[in-house]
Amino acid sequence: METRAHHLMIGSFAIGISVMTVLFLMWIGKFEFSRQYGVYDLRFEGSVSGLTKAADVLYNGIKVGEVINLKLDPENPSFVLVRIQVDRSTPVKTDSWASLETQGLTGVAAIQIAGGTKDGKKLVAEGAQEYPMIKTQKS
């Protein structure tokens, strides 16, 4: 009986440590299961050099999301289509606009969203658009 009790105690300890490790990694990784995002499309003319998937999306300098997809416009390859996801509470309005900015000396690019007045209407998808399209400006 004594041998069996040690195996039960060791097994319980191992399972407990495993569960605590997973919970710690989720906490350290800042998993947020309840976080909701808004998805938007952008259409840049020309090069988006330095922009990659998971690049930051900033709203007036504050990180609010990330780039989730980049591809050439199939109708006109001189344009680049960028899909971003931002925190649902980000006030993207019809008069908001986006530009490409490089950060620091490394040349890593980020999307900067600016503009948008408090009286502006919330940006919504129009016609056949899957997601709302934010206007873009050259940086």
N, C-alpha and C. Protein backbone atom coordinates (compact mmCIF):
# COMPACT_ATOMS: atom_id res chain seq x y z
N MET A 1 0.82 -1.19 0.00
CA MET A 1 0.00 0.00 0.00
C MET A 1 0.86 1.25 0.00
N GLU A 2 1.97 1.20 0.69
CA GLU A 2 2.83 2.37 0.80
C GLU A 2 3.40 2.77 -0.56
N THR A 3 3.80 1.84 -1.38
CA THR A 3 4.35 2.13 -2.70
C THR A 3 3.31 2.82 -3.58
N ARG A 4 2.09 2.34 -3.52
CA ARG A 4 1.01 2.91 -4.32
C ARG A 4 0.72 4.36 -3.92
N ALA A 5 0.79 4.66 -2.67
CA ALA A 5 0.53 6.02 -2.19
C ALA A 5 1.57 7.00 -2.73
N HIS A 6 2.82 6.55 -2.83
CA HIS A 6 3.85 7.44 -3.38
C HIS A 6 3.60 7.73 -4.86
N HIS A 7 3.17 6.73 -5.61
CA HIS A 7 2.89 6.93 -7.03
C HIS A 7 1.73 7.91 -7.23
N LEU A 8 0.71 7.77 -6.40
CA LEU A 8 -0.44 8.67 -6.46
C LEU A 8 -0.02 10.11 -6.14
N MET A 9 0.81 10.27 -5.13
CA MET A 9 1.27 11.61 -4.74
C MET A 9 2.16 12.22 -5.83
N ILE A 10 3.04 11.44 -6.40
CA ILE A 10 3.94 11.93 -7.45
C ILE A 10 3.14 12.29 -8.71
N GLY A 11 2.17 11.45 -9.08
CA GLY A 11 1.33 11.73 -10.24
C GLY A 11 0.51 13.00 -10.05
N SER A 12 -0.06 13.17 -8.88
CA SER A 12 -0.84 14.38 -8.58
C SER A 12 0.05 15.61 -8.64
N PHE A 13 1.25 15.51 -8.11
CA PHE A 13 2.19 16.62 -8.13
C PHE A 13 2.55 16.99 -9.58
N ALA A 14 2.81 15.98 -10.42
CA ALA A 14 3.19 16.22 -11.82
C ALA A 14 2.04 16.89 -12.58
N ILE A 15 0.82 16.43 -12.37
CA ILE A 15 -0.34 17.04 -13.04
C ILE A 15 -0.52 18.47 -12.55
N GLY A 16 -0.39 18.70 -11.26
CA GLY A 16 -0.53 20.05 -10.71
C GLY A 16 0.51 21.00 -11.28
N ILE A 17 1.76 20.56 -11.37
CA ILE A 17 2.83 21.39 -11.94
C ILE A 17 2.53 21.68 -13.42
N SER A 18 2.04 20.69 -14.16
CA SER A 18 1.72 20.90 -15.58
C SER A 18 0.62 21.94 -15.75
N VAL A 19 -0.44 21.84 -14.96
CA VAL A 19 -1.54 22.80 -15.05
C VAL A 19 -1.05 24.20 -14.68
N MET A 20 -0.25 24.31 -13.64
CA MET A 20 0.27 25.61 -13.23
C MET A 20 1.19 26.20 -14.29
N THR A 21 1.97 25.37 -14.99
CA THR A 21 2.85 25.84 -16.05
C THR A 21 2.04 26.42 -17.20
N VAL A 22 0.97 25.71 -17.60
CA VAL A 22 0.12 26.21 -18.68
C VAL A 22 -0.52 27.53 -18.29
N LEU A 23 -1.05 27.63 -17.09
CA LEU A 23 -1.66 28.88 -16.61
C LEU A 23 -0.64 30.02 -16.57
N PHE A 24 0.58 29.72 -16.13
CA PHE A 24 1.63 30.74 -16.09
C PHE A 24 1.97 31.23 -17.49
N LEU A 25 2.09 30.29 -18.44
CA LEU A 25 2.41 30.69 -19.82
C LEU A 25 1.29 31.52 -20.44
N MET A 26 0.05 31.19 -20.13
CA MET A 26 -1.06 32.00 -20.63
C MET A 26 -1.04 33.40 -20.02
N TRP A 27 -0.71 33.49 -18.75
CA TRP A 27 -0.63 34.79 -18.09
C TRP A 27 0.52 35.62 -18.66
N ILE A 28 1.67 34.98 -18.84
CA ILE A 28 2.86 35.69 -19.35
C ILE A 28 2.61 36.12 -20.80
N GLY A 29 1.89 35.29 -21.58
CA GLY A 29 1.61 35.62 -22.98
C GLY A 29 0.43 36.57 -23.12
N LYS A 30 -0.18 36.93 -22.02
CA LYS A 30 -1.31 37.86 -22.00
C LYS A 30 -2.45 37.40 -22.91
N PHE A 31 -2.81 36.14 -22.78
CA PHE A 31 -3.94 35.62 -23.53
C PHE A 31 -5.20 36.32 -23.06
N GLU A 32 -5.98 36.74 -24.01
CA GLU A 32 -7.24 37.38 -23.69
C GLU A 32 -8.31 36.75 -24.56
N PHE A 33 -9.05 35.83 -23.97
CA PHE A 33 -10.05 35.11 -24.73
C PHE A 33 -11.26 35.97 -25.07
N SER A 34 -11.52 36.98 -24.27
CA SER A 34 -12.71 37.79 -24.48
C SER A 34 -12.45 39.04 -25.32
N ARG A 35 -11.24 39.24 -25.77
CA ARG A 35 -10.92 40.44 -26.54
C ARG A 35 -11.56 40.37 -27.91
N GLN A 36 -12.19 41.46 -28.32
CA GLN A 36 -12.85 41.51 -29.61
C GLN A 36 -12.13 42.51 -30.51
N TYR A 37 -12.08 42.18 -31.80
CA TYR A 37 -11.37 43.01 -32.76
C TYR A 37 -12.31 43.48 -33.86
N GLY A 38 -11.94 44.60 -34.44
CA GLY A 38 -12.57 45.07 -35.66
C GLY A 38 -11.57 44.85 -36.78
N VAL A 39 -12.02 44.37 -37.92
CA VAL A 39 -11.13 44.10 -39.06
C VAL A 39 -11.40 45.15 -40.13
N TYR A 40 -10.31 45.69 -40.69
CA TYR A 40 -10.41 46.74 -41.72
C TYR A 40 -9.43 46.42 -42.85
N ASP A 41 -9.74 46.91 -44.03
CA ASP A 41 -8.86 46.79 -45.19
C ASP A 41 -8.28 48.16 -45.52
N LEU A 42 -7.07 48.14 -46.05
CA LEU A 42 -6.38 49.34 -46.52
C LEU A 42 -5.87 49.05 -47.92
N ARG A 43 -5.74 50.08 -48.75
CA ARG A 43 -5.23 49.92 -50.11
C ARG A 43 -4.17 50.98 -50.35
N PHE A 44 -2.91 50.54 -50.33
CA PHE A 44 -1.79 51.46 -50.53
C PHE A 44 -1.31 51.42 -51.96
N GLU A 45 -1.00 52.60 -52.51
CA GLU A 45 -0.42 52.66 -53.84
C GLU A 45 1.09 52.61 -53.71
N GLY A 46 1.71 51.71 -54.45
CA GLY A 46 3.17 51.61 -54.42
C GLY A 46 3.68 50.67 -53.34
N SER A 47 4.93 50.89 -52.99
CA SER A 47 5.64 49.99 -52.08
C SER A 47 5.21 50.15 -50.63
N VAL A 48 5.17 49.03 -49.92
CA VAL A 48 4.95 49.04 -48.46
C VAL A 48 6.17 48.39 -47.81
N SER A 49 7.33 48.78 -48.29
CA SER A 49 8.59 48.22 -47.83
C SER A 49 8.72 48.27 -46.31
N GLY A 50 9.09 47.14 -45.72
CA GLY A 50 9.27 47.06 -44.28
C GLY A 50 8.04 46.63 -43.51
N LEU A 51 6.88 46.58 -44.18
CA LEU A 51 5.63 46.17 -43.52
C LEU A 51 5.49 44.65 -43.62
N THR A 52 5.22 44.00 -42.51
CA THR A 52 5.07 42.54 -42.48
C THR A 52 3.82 42.17 -41.69
N LYS A 53 3.46 40.91 -41.79
CA LYS A 53 2.37 40.41 -40.94
C LYS A 53 2.80 40.61 -39.49
N ALA A 54 1.85 40.88 -38.64
CA ALA A 54 2.06 41.12 -37.20
C ALA A 54 2.73 42.46 -36.92
N ALA A 55 2.86 43.33 -37.94
CA ALA A 55 3.37 44.68 -37.71
C ALA A 55 2.34 45.45 -36.90
N ASP A 56 2.81 46.44 -36.16
CA ASP A 56 1.93 47.22 -35.29
C ASP A 56 0.97 48.10 -36.08
N VAL A 57 -0.22 48.27 -35.54
CA VAL A 57 -1.17 49.26 -36.02
C VAL A 57 -1.34 50.25 -34.87
N LEU A 58 -1.07 51.53 -35.16
CA LEU A 58 -1.12 52.56 -34.14
C LEU A 58 -2.27 53.52 -34.42
N TYR A 59 -2.90 53.99 -33.36
CA TYR A 59 -3.92 55.03 -33.50
C TYR A 59 -3.43 56.21 -32.69
N ASN A 60 -3.07 57.28 -33.38
CA ASN A 60 -2.48 58.46 -32.73
C ASN A 60 -1.29 58.07 -31.85
N GLY A 61 -0.50 57.11 -32.32
CA GLY A 61 0.72 56.71 -31.62
C GLY A 61 0.56 55.60 -30.60
N ILE A 62 -0.67 55.13 -30.36
CA ILE A 62 -0.91 54.08 -29.38
C ILE A 62 -1.19 52.78 -30.12
N LYS A 63 -0.53 51.69 -29.71
CA LYS A 63 -0.73 50.40 -30.38
C LYS A 63 -2.15 49.90 -30.08
N VAL A 64 -2.90 49.65 -31.17
CA VAL A 64 -4.28 49.18 -31.02
C VAL A 64 -4.53 47.88 -31.77
N GLY A 65 -3.54 47.38 -32.51
CA GLY A 65 -3.76 46.15 -33.27
C GLY A 65 -2.55 45.75 -34.07
N GLU A 66 -2.80 44.91 -35.08
CA GLU A 66 -1.70 44.41 -35.90
C GLU A 66 -2.17 44.09 -37.31
N VAL A 67 -1.19 43.95 -38.20
CA VAL A 67 -1.44 43.58 -39.60
C VAL A 67 -1.67 42.07 -39.63
N ILE A 68 -2.74 41.64 -40.30
CA ILE A 68 -2.99 40.20 -40.37
C ILE A 68 -2.82 39.62 -41.77
N ASN A 69 -2.77 40.48 -42.80
CA ASN A 69 -2.59 39.96 -44.16
C ASN A 69 -2.08 41.05 -45.09
N LEU A 70 -1.22 40.66 -46.02
CA LEU A 70 -0.69 41.55 -47.05
C LEU A 70 -0.77 40.82 -48.39
N LYS A 71 -1.23 41.50 -49.43
CA LYS A 71 -1.21 40.89 -50.76
C LYS A 71 -1.34 41.97 -51.82
N LEU A 72 -0.93 41.62 -53.02
CA LEU A 72 -1.09 42.54 -54.16
C LEU A 72 -2.55 42.54 -54.59
N ASP A 73 -3.01 43.70 -55.04
CA ASP A 73 -4.37 43.82 -55.55
C ASP A 73 -4.44 43.04 -56.87
N PRO A 74 -5.31 42.02 -56.96
CA PRO A 74 -5.35 41.22 -58.20
C PRO A 74 -5.83 42.03 -59.41
N GLU A 75 -6.58 43.10 -59.18
CA GLU A 75 -7.06 43.93 -60.29
C GLU A 75 -6.03 44.93 -60.78
N ASN A 76 -5.13 45.36 -59.88
CA ASN A 76 -4.11 46.33 -60.24
C ASN A 76 -2.89 46.10 -59.34
N PRO A 77 -1.87 45.41 -59.84
CA PRO A 77 -0.73 45.04 -58.99
C PRO A 77 0.14 46.21 -58.51
N SER A 78 -0.19 47.44 -58.91
CA SER A 78 0.56 48.58 -58.38
C SER A 78 0.02 48.98 -57.00
N PHE A 79 -1.07 48.34 -56.58
CA PHE A 79 -1.64 48.57 -55.25
C PHE A 79 -1.40 47.37 -54.36
N VAL A 80 -1.24 47.62 -53.06
CA VAL A 80 -1.08 46.56 -52.07
C VAL A 80 -2.28 46.60 -51.13
N LEU A 81 -2.91 45.45 -50.93
CA LEU A 81 -4.03 45.34 -50.01
C LEU A 81 -3.52 44.87 -48.65
N VAL A 82 -3.89 45.58 -47.63
CA VAL A 82 -3.45 45.27 -46.27
C VAL A 82 -4.70 45.08 -45.41
N ARG A 83 -4.74 43.98 -44.68
CA ARG A 83 -5.86 43.74 -43.75
C ARG A 83 -5.31 43.86 -42.33
N ILE A 84 -6.01 44.63 -41.50
CA ILE A 84 -5.58 44.85 -40.13
C ILE A 84 -6.70 44.47 -39.17
N GLN A 85 -6.31 44.15 -37.95
CA GLN A 85 -7.30 43.98 -36.89
C GLN A 85 -6.92 44.92 -35.76
N VAL A 86 -7.92 45.64 -35.27
CA VAL A 86 -7.71 46.60 -34.20
C VAL A 86 -8.70 46.32 -33.08
N ASP A 87 -8.39 46.78 -31.91
CA ASP A 87 -9.29 46.63 -30.78
C ASP A 87 -10.64 47.23 -31.13
N ARG A 88 -11.70 46.54 -30.77
CA ARG A 88 -13.06 46.94 -31.13
C ARG A 88 -13.39 48.35 -30.65
N SER A 89 -12.77 48.81 -29.57
CA SER A 89 -13.08 50.13 -29.03
C SER A 89 -12.36 51.27 -29.76
N THR A 90 -11.52 50.96 -30.72
CA THR A 90 -10.80 51.99 -31.47
C THR A 90 -11.78 52.79 -32.33
N PRO A 91 -11.79 54.11 -32.20
CA PRO A 91 -12.78 54.92 -32.91
C PRO A 91 -12.40 55.20 -34.36
N VAL A 92 -12.57 54.21 -35.23
CA VAL A 92 -12.29 54.40 -36.65
C VAL A 92 -13.55 54.98 -37.29
N LYS A 93 -13.42 56.21 -37.79
CA LYS A 93 -14.56 56.95 -38.34
C LYS A 93 -14.42 57.10 -39.85
N THR A 94 -15.46 57.62 -40.48
CA THR A 94 -15.43 57.81 -41.93
C THR A 94 -14.38 58.82 -42.36
N ASP A 95 -13.99 59.73 -41.46
CA ASP A 95 -12.96 60.72 -41.80
C ASP A 95 -11.58 60.35 -41.26
N SER A 96 -11.42 59.10 -40.81
CA SER A 96 -10.09 58.61 -40.40
C SER A 96 -9.30 58.25 -41.64
N TRP A 97 -7.98 58.24 -41.52
CA TRP A 97 -7.11 57.85 -42.61
C TRP A 97 -5.91 57.12 -42.04
N ALA A 98 -5.26 56.34 -42.90
CA ALA A 98 -4.10 55.55 -42.48
C ALA A 98 -2.90 55.87 -43.35
N SER A 99 -1.73 55.76 -42.76
CA SER A 99 -0.49 55.95 -43.51
C SER A 99 0.54 54.95 -43.02
N LEU A 100 1.57 54.78 -43.81
CA LEU A 100 2.65 53.87 -43.47
C LEU A 100 3.77 54.67 -42.83
N GLU A 101 4.25 54.23 -41.67
CA GLU A 101 5.34 54.92 -40.98
C GLU A 101 6.45 53.94 -40.65
N THR A 102 7.68 54.40 -40.76
CA THR A 102 8.80 53.58 -40.31
C THR A 102 9.12 53.95 -38.88
N GLN A 103 9.52 52.93 -38.12
CA GLN A 103 9.81 53.15 -36.70
C GLN A 103 11.30 52.98 -36.45
N GLY A 104 11.88 53.98 -35.87
CA GLY A 104 13.29 53.91 -35.48
C GLY A 104 14.23 53.80 -36.65
N LEU A 105 15.43 53.31 -36.36
CA LEU A 105 16.48 53.19 -37.36
C LEU A 105 16.41 51.88 -38.13
N THR A 106 15.62 50.93 -37.65
CA THR A 106 15.59 49.60 -38.26
C THR A 106 14.81 49.55 -39.56
N GLY A 107 13.94 50.50 -39.80
CA GLY A 107 13.14 50.51 -41.01
C GLY A 107 11.89 49.65 -40.92
N VAL A 108 11.59 49.14 -39.73
CA VAL A 108 10.36 48.37 -39.55
C VAL A 108 9.18 49.31 -39.70
N ALA A 109 8.21 48.89 -40.50
CA ALA A 109 7.07 49.76 -40.79
C ALA A 109 5.89 49.43 -39.89
N ALA A 110 5.04 50.41 -39.68
CA ALA A 110 3.81 50.25 -38.93
C ALA A 110 2.72 51.06 -39.64
N ILE A 111 1.49 50.72 -39.38
CA ILE A 111 0.36 51.46 -39.91
C ILE A 111 -0.06 52.48 -38.85
N GLN A 112 -0.18 53.72 -39.25
CA GLN A 112 -0.62 54.79 -38.34
C GLN A 112 -2.01 55.25 -38.78
N ILE A 113 -2.99 55.11 -37.90
CA ILE A 113 -4.34 55.59 -38.18
C ILE A 113 -4.50 56.91 -37.44
N ALA A 114 -5.03 57.91 -38.12
CA ALA A 114 -5.22 59.23 -37.50
C ALA A 114 -6.52 59.83 -38.03
N GLY A 115 -6.79 61.02 -37.56
CA GLY A 115 -7.99 61.71 -37.99
C GLY A 115 -9.22 61.16 -37.29
N GLY A 116 -10.33 61.52 -37.77
CA GLY A 116 -11.57 61.07 -37.16
C GLY A 116 -12.03 62.06 -36.10
N THR A 117 -13.11 62.74 -36.38
CA THR A 117 -13.66 63.68 -35.41
C THR A 117 -14.68 62.97 -34.54
N LYS A 118 -14.97 63.57 -33.40
CA LYS A 118 -15.94 62.92 -32.50
C LYS A 118 -17.33 62.89 -33.10
N ASP A 119 -17.61 63.79 -34.03
CA ASP A 119 -18.92 63.81 -34.69
C ASP A 119 -18.98 62.91 -35.92
N GLY A 120 -17.83 62.36 -36.32
CA GLY A 120 -17.80 61.49 -37.50
C GLY A 120 -18.56 60.20 -37.27
N LYS A 121 -19.03 59.62 -38.37
CA LYS A 121 -19.78 58.36 -38.29
C LYS A 121 -18.81 57.18 -38.28
N LYS A 122 -19.21 56.10 -37.63
CA LYS A 122 -18.41 54.89 -37.58
C LYS A 122 -18.26 54.33 -38.99
N LEU A 123 -17.06 53.88 -39.33
CA LEU A 123 -16.78 53.34 -40.66
C LEU A 123 -17.39 51.95 -40.79
N VAL A 124 -18.15 51.73 -41.84
CA VAL A 124 -18.77 50.44 -42.10
C VAL A 124 -18.48 50.02 -43.54
N ALA A 125 -18.61 48.71 -43.80
CA ALA A 125 -18.38 48.18 -45.14
C ALA A 125 -19.48 48.67 -46.07
N GLU A 126 -19.10 48.97 -47.31
CA GLU A 126 -20.06 49.45 -48.30
C GLU A 126 -20.13 48.47 -49.46
N GLY A 127 -21.32 48.27 -49.98
CA GLY A 127 -21.51 47.44 -51.16
C GLY A 127 -21.00 46.03 -50.99
N ALA A 128 -20.10 45.64 -51.89
CA ALA A 128 -19.59 44.27 -51.90
C ALA A 128 -18.36 44.09 -51.01
N GLN A 129 -17.99 45.10 -50.25
CA GLN A 129 -16.81 45.00 -49.39
C GLN A 129 -17.05 43.99 -48.27
N GLU A 130 -16.04 43.17 -48.01
CA GLU A 130 -16.13 42.23 -46.90
C GLU A 130 -15.92 42.96 -45.58
N TYR A 131 -14.95 43.89 -45.58
CA TYR A 131 -14.64 44.68 -44.39
C TYR A 131 -14.59 46.16 -44.78
N PRO A 132 -14.78 47.05 -43.80
CA PRO A 132 -14.68 48.48 -44.10
C PRO A 132 -13.29 48.85 -44.62
N MET A 133 -13.24 49.82 -45.53
CA MET A 133 -11.97 50.25 -46.14
C MET A 133 -11.61 51.62 -45.57
N ILE A 134 -10.43 51.70 -44.93
CA ILE A 134 -9.92 52.96 -44.41
C ILE A 134 -9.15 53.66 -45.52
N LYS A 135 -9.39 54.95 -45.71
CA LYS A 135 -8.65 55.73 -46.71
C LYS A 135 -7.18 55.77 -46.33
N THR A 136 -6.31 55.84 -47.32
CA THR A 136 -4.88 55.89 -47.06
C THR A 136 -4.28 57.17 -47.63
N GLN A 137 -3.16 57.58 -47.02
CA GLN A 137 -2.38 58.72 -47.49
C GLN A 137 -0.93 58.30 -47.56
N LYS A 138 -0.20 58.97 -48.43
CA LYS A 138 1.25 58.71 -48.48
C LYS A 138 1.90 59.27 -47.24
N SER A 139 2.90 58.55 -46.74
CA SER A 139 3.57 59.01 -45.52
C SER A 139 4.59 60.07 -45.85
